[in-house]
Amino acid sequence: MKINHRIEVIDLLRGLSCLGVLLYHVRVDLWVGWWRITSYPQDYSSFTKAMAWLSIPTPFLGYAILLFFLISGFCIHYPNTLPDYKPSWKIYFKRRFWRIYPPYLSAIILTALISYFCHLKWGDVDWSVEKIVRVATISQNYPPGNGQFLTNPSLWTIPLEIEFYILYPIAFLCILKFGFFTLLMMSVVFSTLSIYLTTLEFQWVSYTSLFLWPSWLLGAWIASLHRKNKLSKLKILPTSSFLIFFLIIALSSRYQKWEDWMQYSCWTGFYFAVFLIFLRFEKSISRLRENLFFKSLAWLGKISFSLYLIHFPLFKLLGYLHIESFGEKPVNFLFSLAYLIPACFLAWIFYRLIESPVHQWSKRLIK
């Protein structure tokens, strides 16, 4: 078996996660909002009010970032799951650096340009040289003065990913010596510690691996199960029941405003089940790859990193342009959804001009 043969459903899962994040964020700058429409129904047409119902799932889709963490853990660990395989950590860290930082830095430059333009033209208050420097040095999640550059708050996950990458060699050795279960229990202890620290007003730890490492390690565990072909033994009924159970619990946690850590735990369970089902029925799903919807998801998955890096500042810019043209944010949610098209197109250009060439160049350099 190849060390890292391509698994097609991973692109579908990336696309699904990225779509969820886009739908969650598009409401910020490109929609007047559910509250506005329901509070002043006399101001809007019946069609606009009907289309607002399309937004009902979107407040829950921010947790799709957990699927990204699961996928990341899977993809990092999967090449190292062959028996007696010994990774080269020097090559590993070189690959991670060139895969992540150059596109990330390019996204920061683009974000800064958009932010400064919005600041000059429309008086946007998010412009901050200090925050740009913090983001560029990947220190925005940590004290002193931690905080995101609000023109692109999505970038909070990049320092977290880097923490996961740094921890992985330790995790790999622990897996060999103690097994996955022991490592997962250790990560749960660390996560519990982070929850306790947040009660002591150390809120910044909730943006670190101290809190979110279990979700990443679950992805690595799935990689091990997939390599051993154990996922093929999963039965559809119990797995689907597991999925439905966690979906109900996760939705309830959101509606009832449980503690953040409880909501994250519930949604982690849900996306863990989604991941298992996609891999369990990998062959059946792969047969649908010519379906337009699945092809679109796979395409989104292919450019997902670029799209994730730059979608928020693009939404902000498009939001200002829409307000300048029409006097307010889009009132019909269909118009909000339509703005996903230019954002995806511009992300594809970013992918073709920056992410893909850098990735190909770095592979040749490391070889």
Protein backbone atom coordinates (compact mmCIF):
# COMPACT_ATOMS: atom_id res chain seq x y z
CA MET A 1 0.00 0.00 0.00
CA LYS A 2 1.25 3.49 -0.78
CA ILE A 3 2.36 5.60 2.12
CA ASN A 4 -0.10 8.37 1.33
CA HIS A 5 -2.48 7.39 -1.47
CA ARG A 6 -5.12 10.01 -2.22
CA ILE A 7 -8.43 9.55 -0.43
CA GLU A 8 -11.05 11.31 -2.51
CA VAL A 9 -13.63 11.79 0.23
CA ILE A 10 -11.14 13.95 2.16
CA ASP A 11 -11.57 16.68 -0.45
CA LEU A 12 -15.34 16.34 -0.10
CA LEU A 13 -15.07 16.69 3.67
CA ARG A 14 -12.79 19.71 3.31
CA GLY A 15 -15.29 21.26 0.92
CA LEU A 16 -18.16 20.53 3.29
CA SER A 17 -16.33 22.11 6.21
CA CYS A 18 -15.28 25.14 4.16
CA LEU A 19 -18.83 25.66 2.90
CA GLY A 20 -20.09 25.59 6.48
CA VAL A 21 -17.58 28.25 7.54
CA LEU A 22 -18.46 30.44 4.55
CA LEU A 23 -22.18 30.26 5.30
CA TYR A 24 -21.49 31.10 8.94
CA HIS A 25 -19.36 34.14 8.11
CA VAL A 26 -21.23 35.58 5.12
CA ARG A 27 -23.94 36.86 7.48
CA VAL A 28 -21.54 39.26 9.21
CA ASP A 29 -21.02 41.79 6.42
CA LEU A 30 -23.42 40.59 3.74
CA TRP A 31 -26.83 40.23 5.38
CA VAL A 32 -29.08 42.46 7.48
CA GLY A 33 -29.81 39.48 9.70
CA TRP A 34 -32.68 37.33 10.92
CA TRP A 35 -33.37 39.60 13.88
CA ARG A 36 -33.82 42.67 11.67
CA ILE A 37 -36.23 40.92 9.30
CA THR A 38 -38.32 39.31 12.03
CA SER A 39 -38.40 42.48 14.16
CA TYR A 40 -39.55 44.74 11.30
CA PRO A 41 -41.51 42.42 8.99
CA GLN A 42 -43.48 45.32 7.53
CA ASP A 43 -40.28 46.62 5.90
CA TYR A 44 -39.68 43.50 3.80
CA SER A 45 -41.46 41.60 1.05
CA SER A 46 -42.96 38.15 1.52
CA PHE A 47 -40.27 36.71 -0.75
CA THR A 48 -37.47 38.27 1.31
CA LYS A 49 -38.99 36.90 4.52
CA ALA A 50 -39.37 33.46 2.94
CA MET A 51 -35.73 33.45 1.79
CA ALA A 52 -34.61 34.36 5.30
CA TRP A 53 -35.56 30.83 6.35
CA LEU A 54 -32.62 29.58 4.28
CA SER A 55 -30.36 31.05 6.95
CA ILE A 56 -31.74 28.86 9.74
CA PRO A 57 -28.83 26.33 9.75
CA THR A 58 -26.08 28.96 9.42
CA PRO A 59 -25.64 29.91 13.12
CA PHE A 60 -24.65 26.29 13.81
CA LEU A 61 -22.12 26.04 11.00
CA GLY A 62 -19.28 27.84 12.74
CA TYR A 63 -18.51 24.55 14.45
CA ALA A 64 -17.58 23.12 11.05
CA ILE A 65 -14.06 24.27 11.92
CA LEU A 66 -13.91 21.16 14.11
CA LEU A 67 -14.16 19.05 10.96
CA PHE A 68 -11.08 20.88 9.68
CA PHE A 69 -9.21 19.87 12.85
CA LEU A 70 -10.28 16.24 12.44
CA ILE A 71 -9.14 16.27 8.80
CA SER A 72 -5.84 17.88 9.75
CA GLY A 73 -5.10 15.20 12.36
CA PHE A 74 -6.04 12.51 9.85
CA CYS A 75 -3.85 13.86 7.04
CA ILE A 76 -0.80 14.46 9.23
CA HIS A 77 -0.89 11.02 10.84
CA TYR A 78 -2.02 8.90 7.88
CA PRO A 79 1.39 8.73 6.08
CA ASN A 80 2.96 7.47 9.32
CA THR A 81 0.51 4.64 10.02
CA LEU A 82 2.33 1.91 8.12
CA PRO A 83 4.02 -0.71 10.34
CA ASP A 84 7.62 0.16 11.31
CA TYR A 85 7.48 3.43 9.35
CA LYS A 86 9.97 5.98 10.72
CA PRO A 87 9.20 9.58 9.78
CA SER A 88 11.91 12.15 9.15
CA TRP A 89 11.01 15.00 11.47
CA LYS A 90 13.35 17.41 9.71
CA ILE A 91 11.51 16.91 6.42
CA TYR A 92 8.18 16.94 8.27
CA PHE A 93 8.77 20.41 9.75
CA LYS A 94 10.09 21.77 6.45
CA ARG A 95 6.97 20.57 4.67
CA ARG A 96 4.67 22.05 7.30
CA PHE A 97 6.42 25.43 7.16
CA TRP A 98 6.35 25.76 3.38
CA ARG A 99 2.82 24.40 3.16
CA ILE A 100 1.40 26.86 5.68
CA TYR A 101 3.38 30.04 6.17
CA PRO A 102 3.93 31.50 2.66
CA PRO A 103 0.19 31.34 1.74
CA TYR A 104 -0.66 32.56 5.24
CA LEU A 105 1.70 35.55 4.93
CA SER A 106 0.30 36.32 1.47
CA ALA A 107 -3.21 36.27 2.94
CA ILE A 108 -2.12 38.70 5.66
CA ILE A 109 -0.74 41.09 3.04
CA LEU A 110 -3.98 40.89 1.05
CA THR A 111 -6.01 41.37 4.25
CA ALA A 112 -3.93 44.40 5.22
CA LEU A 113 -4.42 45.98 1.79
CA ILE A 114 -8.19 45.44 1.92
CA SER A 115 -8.36 46.68 5.50
CA TYR A 116 -6.40 49.84 4.71
CA PHE A 117 -8.52 50.53 1.64
CA CYS A 118 -11.72 50.13 3.68
CA HIS A 119 -10.23 52.36 6.38
CA LEU A 120 -9.41 55.15 3.91
CA LYS A 121 -12.61 54.96 1.85
CA TRP A 122 -15.25 54.11 4.45
CA GLY A 123 -13.56 54.78 7.79
CA ASP A 124 -13.43 51.11 8.80
CA VAL A 125 -12.20 50.87 12.37
CA ASP A 126 -10.60 47.41 12.12
CA TRP A 127 -7.36 48.74 10.63
CA SER A 128 -4.51 48.12 13.08
CA VAL A 129 -0.79 47.93 12.34
CA GLU A 130 -0.15 46.31 15.72
CA LYS A 131 -2.68 43.53 15.05
CA ILE A 132 -1.19 42.94 11.59
CA VAL A 133 2.26 42.46 13.15
CA ARG A 134 0.82 40.10 15.78
CA VAL A 135 -0.92 38.02 13.11
CA ALA A 136 2.16 37.95 10.87
CA THR A 137 4.26 36.65 13.78
CA ILE A 138 1.56 34.07 14.61
CA SER A 139 1.26 35.42 18.15
CA GLN A 140 -2.31 36.74 18.06
CA ASN A 141 -3.73 33.98 20.25
CA TYR A 142 -1.37 34.60 23.15
CA PRO A 143 -0.81 37.29 25.77
CA PRO A 144 0.06 40.03 26.25
CA GLY A 145 -2.77 41.81 24.49
CA ASN A 146 -3.96 38.79 22.56
CA GLY A 147 -6.69 39.41 20.01
CA GLN A 148 -7.54 38.83 16.38
CA PHE A 149 -7.15 41.23 13.46
CA LEU A 150 -10.88 41.75 12.96
CA THR A 151 -10.64 42.22 9.20
CA ASN A 152 -9.73 38.52 9.15
CA PRO A 153 -10.54 36.86 12.50
CA SER A 154 -10.54 33.41 10.86
CA LEU A 155 -6.76 33.38 11.10
CA TRP A 156 -6.95 32.43 14.79
CA THR A 157 -6.81 28.78 13.72
CA ILE A 158 -3.36 29.02 12.10
CA PRO A 159 -1.36 29.33 15.35
CA LEU A 160 -3.49 26.49 16.66
CA GLU A 161 -2.62 24.32 13.66
CA ILE A 162 1.06 25.08 14.19
CA GLU A 163 0.74 23.97 17.81
CA PHE A 164 -0.75 20.70 16.60
CA TYR A 165 2.15 20.23 14.18
CA ILE A 166 4.72 20.90 16.91
CA LEU A 167 2.99 18.48 19.27
CA TYR A 168 2.64 15.73 16.67
CA PRO A 169 6.14 14.17 17.03
CA ILE A 170 5.47 13.87 20.77
CA ALA A 171 2.03 12.40 20.03
CA PHE A 172 3.54 9.94 17.55
CA LEU A 173 6.01 8.64 20.12
CA CYS A 174 3.26 8.41 22.76
CA ILE A 175 1.08 6.42 20.32
CA LEU A 176 3.92 3.94 19.75
CA LYS A 177 4.72 3.61 23.44
CA PHE A 178 1.33 3.89 25.16
CA GLY A 179 -1.32 3.60 22.43
CA PHE A 180 -4.04 5.96 21.26
CA PHE A 181 -6.41 5.53 24.19
CA THR A 182 -3.84 6.68 26.75
CA LEU A 183 -2.88 9.66 24.60
CA LEU A 184 -6.51 10.68 24.13
CA MET A 185 -7.14 10.48 27.86
CA MET A 186 -4.06 12.64 28.49
CA SER A 187 -5.36 15.22 25.99
CA VAL A 188 -8.77 15.23 27.72
CA VAL A 189 -7.00 15.97 31.02
CA PHE A 190 -5.19 18.92 29.39
CA SER A 191 -8.47 20.11 27.87
CA THR A 192 -10.13 19.94 31.29
CA LEU A 193 -7.26 21.96 32.72
CA SER A 194 -7.79 24.62 30.05
CA ILE A 195 -11.50 24.81 30.93
CA TYR A 196 -10.56 25.39 34.56
CA LEU A 197 -8.09 28.12 33.54
CA THR A 198 -10.81 29.94 31.59
CA THR A 199 -12.84 30.15 34.80
CA LEU A 200 -9.83 32.00 36.27
CA GLU A 201 -10.09 34.58 33.45
CA PHE A 202 -7.33 33.05 31.29
CA GLN A 203 -9.62 33.11 28.27
CA TRP A 204 -6.79 32.92 25.75
CA VAL A 205 -6.13 29.23 26.52
CA SER A 206 -9.42 28.33 24.79
CA TYR A 207 -7.72 29.33 21.50
CA THR A 208 -4.88 26.88 21.99
CA SER A 209 -4.20 23.17 21.65
CA LEU A 210 -4.51 22.85 25.41
CA PHE A 211 -8.28 22.97 24.84
CA LEU A 212 -8.72 21.59 21.31
CA TRP A 213 -6.08 18.86 21.05
CA PRO A 214 -8.59 15.99 21.57
CA SER A 215 -10.45 16.86 18.36
CA TRP A 216 -7.20 16.82 16.34
CA LEU A 217 -6.10 13.51 17.90
CA LEU A 218 -9.45 11.94 17.05
CA GLY A 219 -8.64 12.66 13.41
CA ALA A 220 -5.28 10.94 13.81
CA TRP A 221 -7.03 7.97 15.42
CA ILE A 222 -9.40 7.72 12.46
CA ALA A 223 -6.33 7.62 10.18
CA SER A 224 -5.00 4.63 12.10
CA LEU A 225 -8.36 2.84 11.92
CA HIS A 226 -8.62 3.53 8.20
CA ARG A 227 -5.11 2.18 7.52
CA LYS A 228 -5.99 -1.04 9.36
CA ASN A 229 -9.25 -1.28 7.38
CA LYS A 230 -11.27 -1.34 10.59
CA LEU A 231 -13.77 1.27 9.43
CA SER A 232 -15.18 -1.19 6.90
CA LYS A 233 -16.59 -3.16 9.84
CA LEU A 234 -18.77 -0.28 11.02
CA LYS A 235 -22.51 -0.96 10.79
CA ILE A 236 -24.70 1.71 9.28
CA LEU A 237 -27.44 1.60 11.92
CA PRO A 238 -25.33 2.17 15.06
CA THR A 239 -23.10 4.70 13.26
CA SER A 240 -26.12 6.65 11.98
CA SER A 241 -27.69 6.50 15.44
CA PHE A 242 -24.46 7.88 16.89
CA LEU A 243 -24.57 10.71 14.32
CA ILE A 244 -28.21 11.59 15.02
CA PHE A 245 -27.72 11.44 18.78
CA PHE A 246 -24.83 13.90 18.71
CA LEU A 247 -26.63 16.17 16.24
CA ILE A 248 -29.62 16.43 18.59
CA ILE A 249 -27.39 17.03 21.60
CA ALA A 250 -25.27 19.58 19.71
CA LEU A 251 -28.32 21.52 18.50
CA SER A 252 -29.75 21.49 22.01
CA SER A 253 -26.48 22.74 23.44
CA ARG A 254 -26.59 25.70 21.08
CA TYR A 255 -30.24 26.55 21.65
CA GLN A 256 -29.93 26.26 25.42
CA LYS A 257 -26.63 28.15 25.48
CA TRP A 258 -24.61 25.56 27.35
CA GLU A 259 -21.03 26.33 28.31
CA ASP A 260 -18.74 26.76 25.30
CA TRP A 261 -16.68 23.68 26.12
CA MET A 262 -19.85 21.56 26.25
CA GLN A 263 -20.97 22.85 22.86
CA TYR A 264 -17.55 22.14 21.35
CA SER A 265 -17.64 18.62 22.79
CA CYS A 266 -21.07 17.90 21.33
CA TRP A 267 -20.19 19.21 17.89
CA THR A 268 -16.90 17.30 17.95
CA GLY A 269 -18.93 14.12 18.47
CA PHE A 270 -21.19 15.01 15.55
CA TYR A 271 -18.38 15.76 13.09
CA PHE A 272 -16.47 12.71 14.28
CA ALA A 273 -19.51 10.63 13.24
CA VAL A 274 -19.71 12.45 9.90
CA PHE A 275 -16.04 11.66 9.26
CA LEU A 276 -16.53 7.99 10.11
CA ILE A 277 -19.54 7.65 7.79
CA PHE A 278 -17.77 9.30 4.86
CA LEU A 279 -14.78 6.97 5.22
CA ARG A 280 -16.95 3.92 5.88
CA PHE A 281 -18.77 4.48 2.60
CA GLU A 282 -15.77 5.89 0.77
CA LYS A 283 -16.19 3.71 -2.31
CA SER A 284 -19.91 4.41 -2.66
CA ILE A 285 -19.40 8.16 -2.25
CA SER A 286 -16.48 8.16 -4.70
CA ARG A 287 -18.80 6.77 -7.38
CA LEU A 288 -20.75 10.03 -7.14
CA ARG A 289 -17.73 12.18 -7.95
CA GLU A 290 -19.21 13.14 -11.35
CA ASN A 291 -22.32 14.49 -9.65
CA LEU A 292 -22.30 18.29 -9.93
CA PHE A 293 -22.81 18.84 -6.21
CA PHE A 294 -20.00 16.44 -5.25
CA LYS A 295 -17.70 17.88 -7.92
CA SER A 296 -18.35 21.36 -6.52
CA LEU A 297 -17.62 20.18 -2.99
CA ALA A 298 -14.40 18.49 -4.13
CA TRP A 299 -13.36 21.69 -5.92
CA LEU A 300 -14.05 23.69 -2.76
CA GLY A 301 -12.00 21.13 -0.85
CA LYS A 302 -9.11 21.58 -3.27
CA ILE A 303 -8.96 25.35 -2.74
CA SER A 304 -10.23 25.23 0.85
CA PHE A 305 -7.03 26.50 2.47
CA SER A 306 -6.84 29.52 0.17
CA LEU A 307 -10.56 30.15 0.53
CA TYR A 308 -10.36 29.91 4.30
CA LEU A 309 -7.41 32.31 4.44
CA ILE A 310 -8.99 35.16 2.47
CA HIS A 311 -12.78 34.80 2.52
CA PHE A 312 -13.43 37.08 5.50
CA PRO A 313 -11.69 40.24 4.15
CA LEU A 314 -13.33 39.58 0.76
CA PHE A 315 -16.74 39.48 2.46
CA LYS A 316 -15.92 42.73 4.25
CA LEU A 317 -14.92 44.47 1.01
CA LEU A 318 -17.96 43.15 -0.86
CA GLY A 319 -20.15 44.26 2.05
CA TYR A 320 -18.91 47.84 1.85
CA LEU A 321 -19.33 47.88 -1.94
CA HIS A 322 -22.90 46.60 -1.59
CA ILE A 323 -23.79 49.24 1.01
CA GLU A 324 -22.28 51.96 -1.19
CA SER A 325 -24.39 50.79 -4.13
CA PHE A 326 -27.69 49.98 -2.36
CA GLY A 327 -27.55 51.90 0.92
CA GLU A 328 -27.67 48.88 3.27
CA LYS A 329 -26.57 45.28 3.60
CA PRO A 330 -28.33 42.66 1.42
CA VAL A 331 -31.83 42.02 2.75
CA ASN A 332 -32.55 38.92 0.68
CA PHE A 333 -30.45 35.98 1.83
CA LEU A 334 -30.23 34.75 -1.77
CA PHE A 335 -28.12 37.83 -2.54
CA SER A 336 -25.91 36.97 0.42
CA LEU A 337 -25.42 33.46 -0.97
CA ALA A 338 -24.66 34.90 -4.41
CA TYR A 339 -21.64 36.67 -2.94
CA LEU A 340 -20.07 33.28 -2.29
CA ILE A 341 -19.41 33.06 -6.04
CA PRO A 342 -16.96 36.01 -6.37
CA ALA A 343 -15.32 35.02 -3.07
CA CYS A 344 -14.71 31.48 -4.34
CA PHE A 345 -13.49 32.76 -7.70
CA LEU A 346 -10.97 35.12 -6.10
CA ALA A 347 -9.84 32.34 -3.75
CA TRP A 348 -9.28 30.12 -6.79
CA ILE A 349 -7.05 32.83 -8.27
CA PHE A 350 -5.17 33.02 -4.95
CA TYR A 351 -4.78 29.25 -5.05
CA ARG A 352 -3.49 29.23 -8.63
CA LEU A 353 -1.12 32.17 -8.20
CA ILE A 354 0.19 31.57 -4.67
CA GLU A 355 -0.76 28.42 -2.79
CA SER A 356 -0.30 25.84 -5.57
CA PRO A 357 2.98 27.23 -7.01
CA VAL A 358 4.51 27.55 -3.53
CA HIS A 359 3.40 24.03 -2.68
CA GLN A 360 4.90 22.57 -5.86
CA TRP A 361 8.10 24.55 -5.46
CA SER A 362 8.48 23.46 -1.82
CA LYS A 363 8.08 19.77 -2.78
CA ARG A 364 10.92 20.11 -5.30
CA LEU A 365 13.03 22.01 -2.76
CA ILE A 366 12.61 19.36 -0.06
CA LYS A 367 13.35 16.55 -2.49
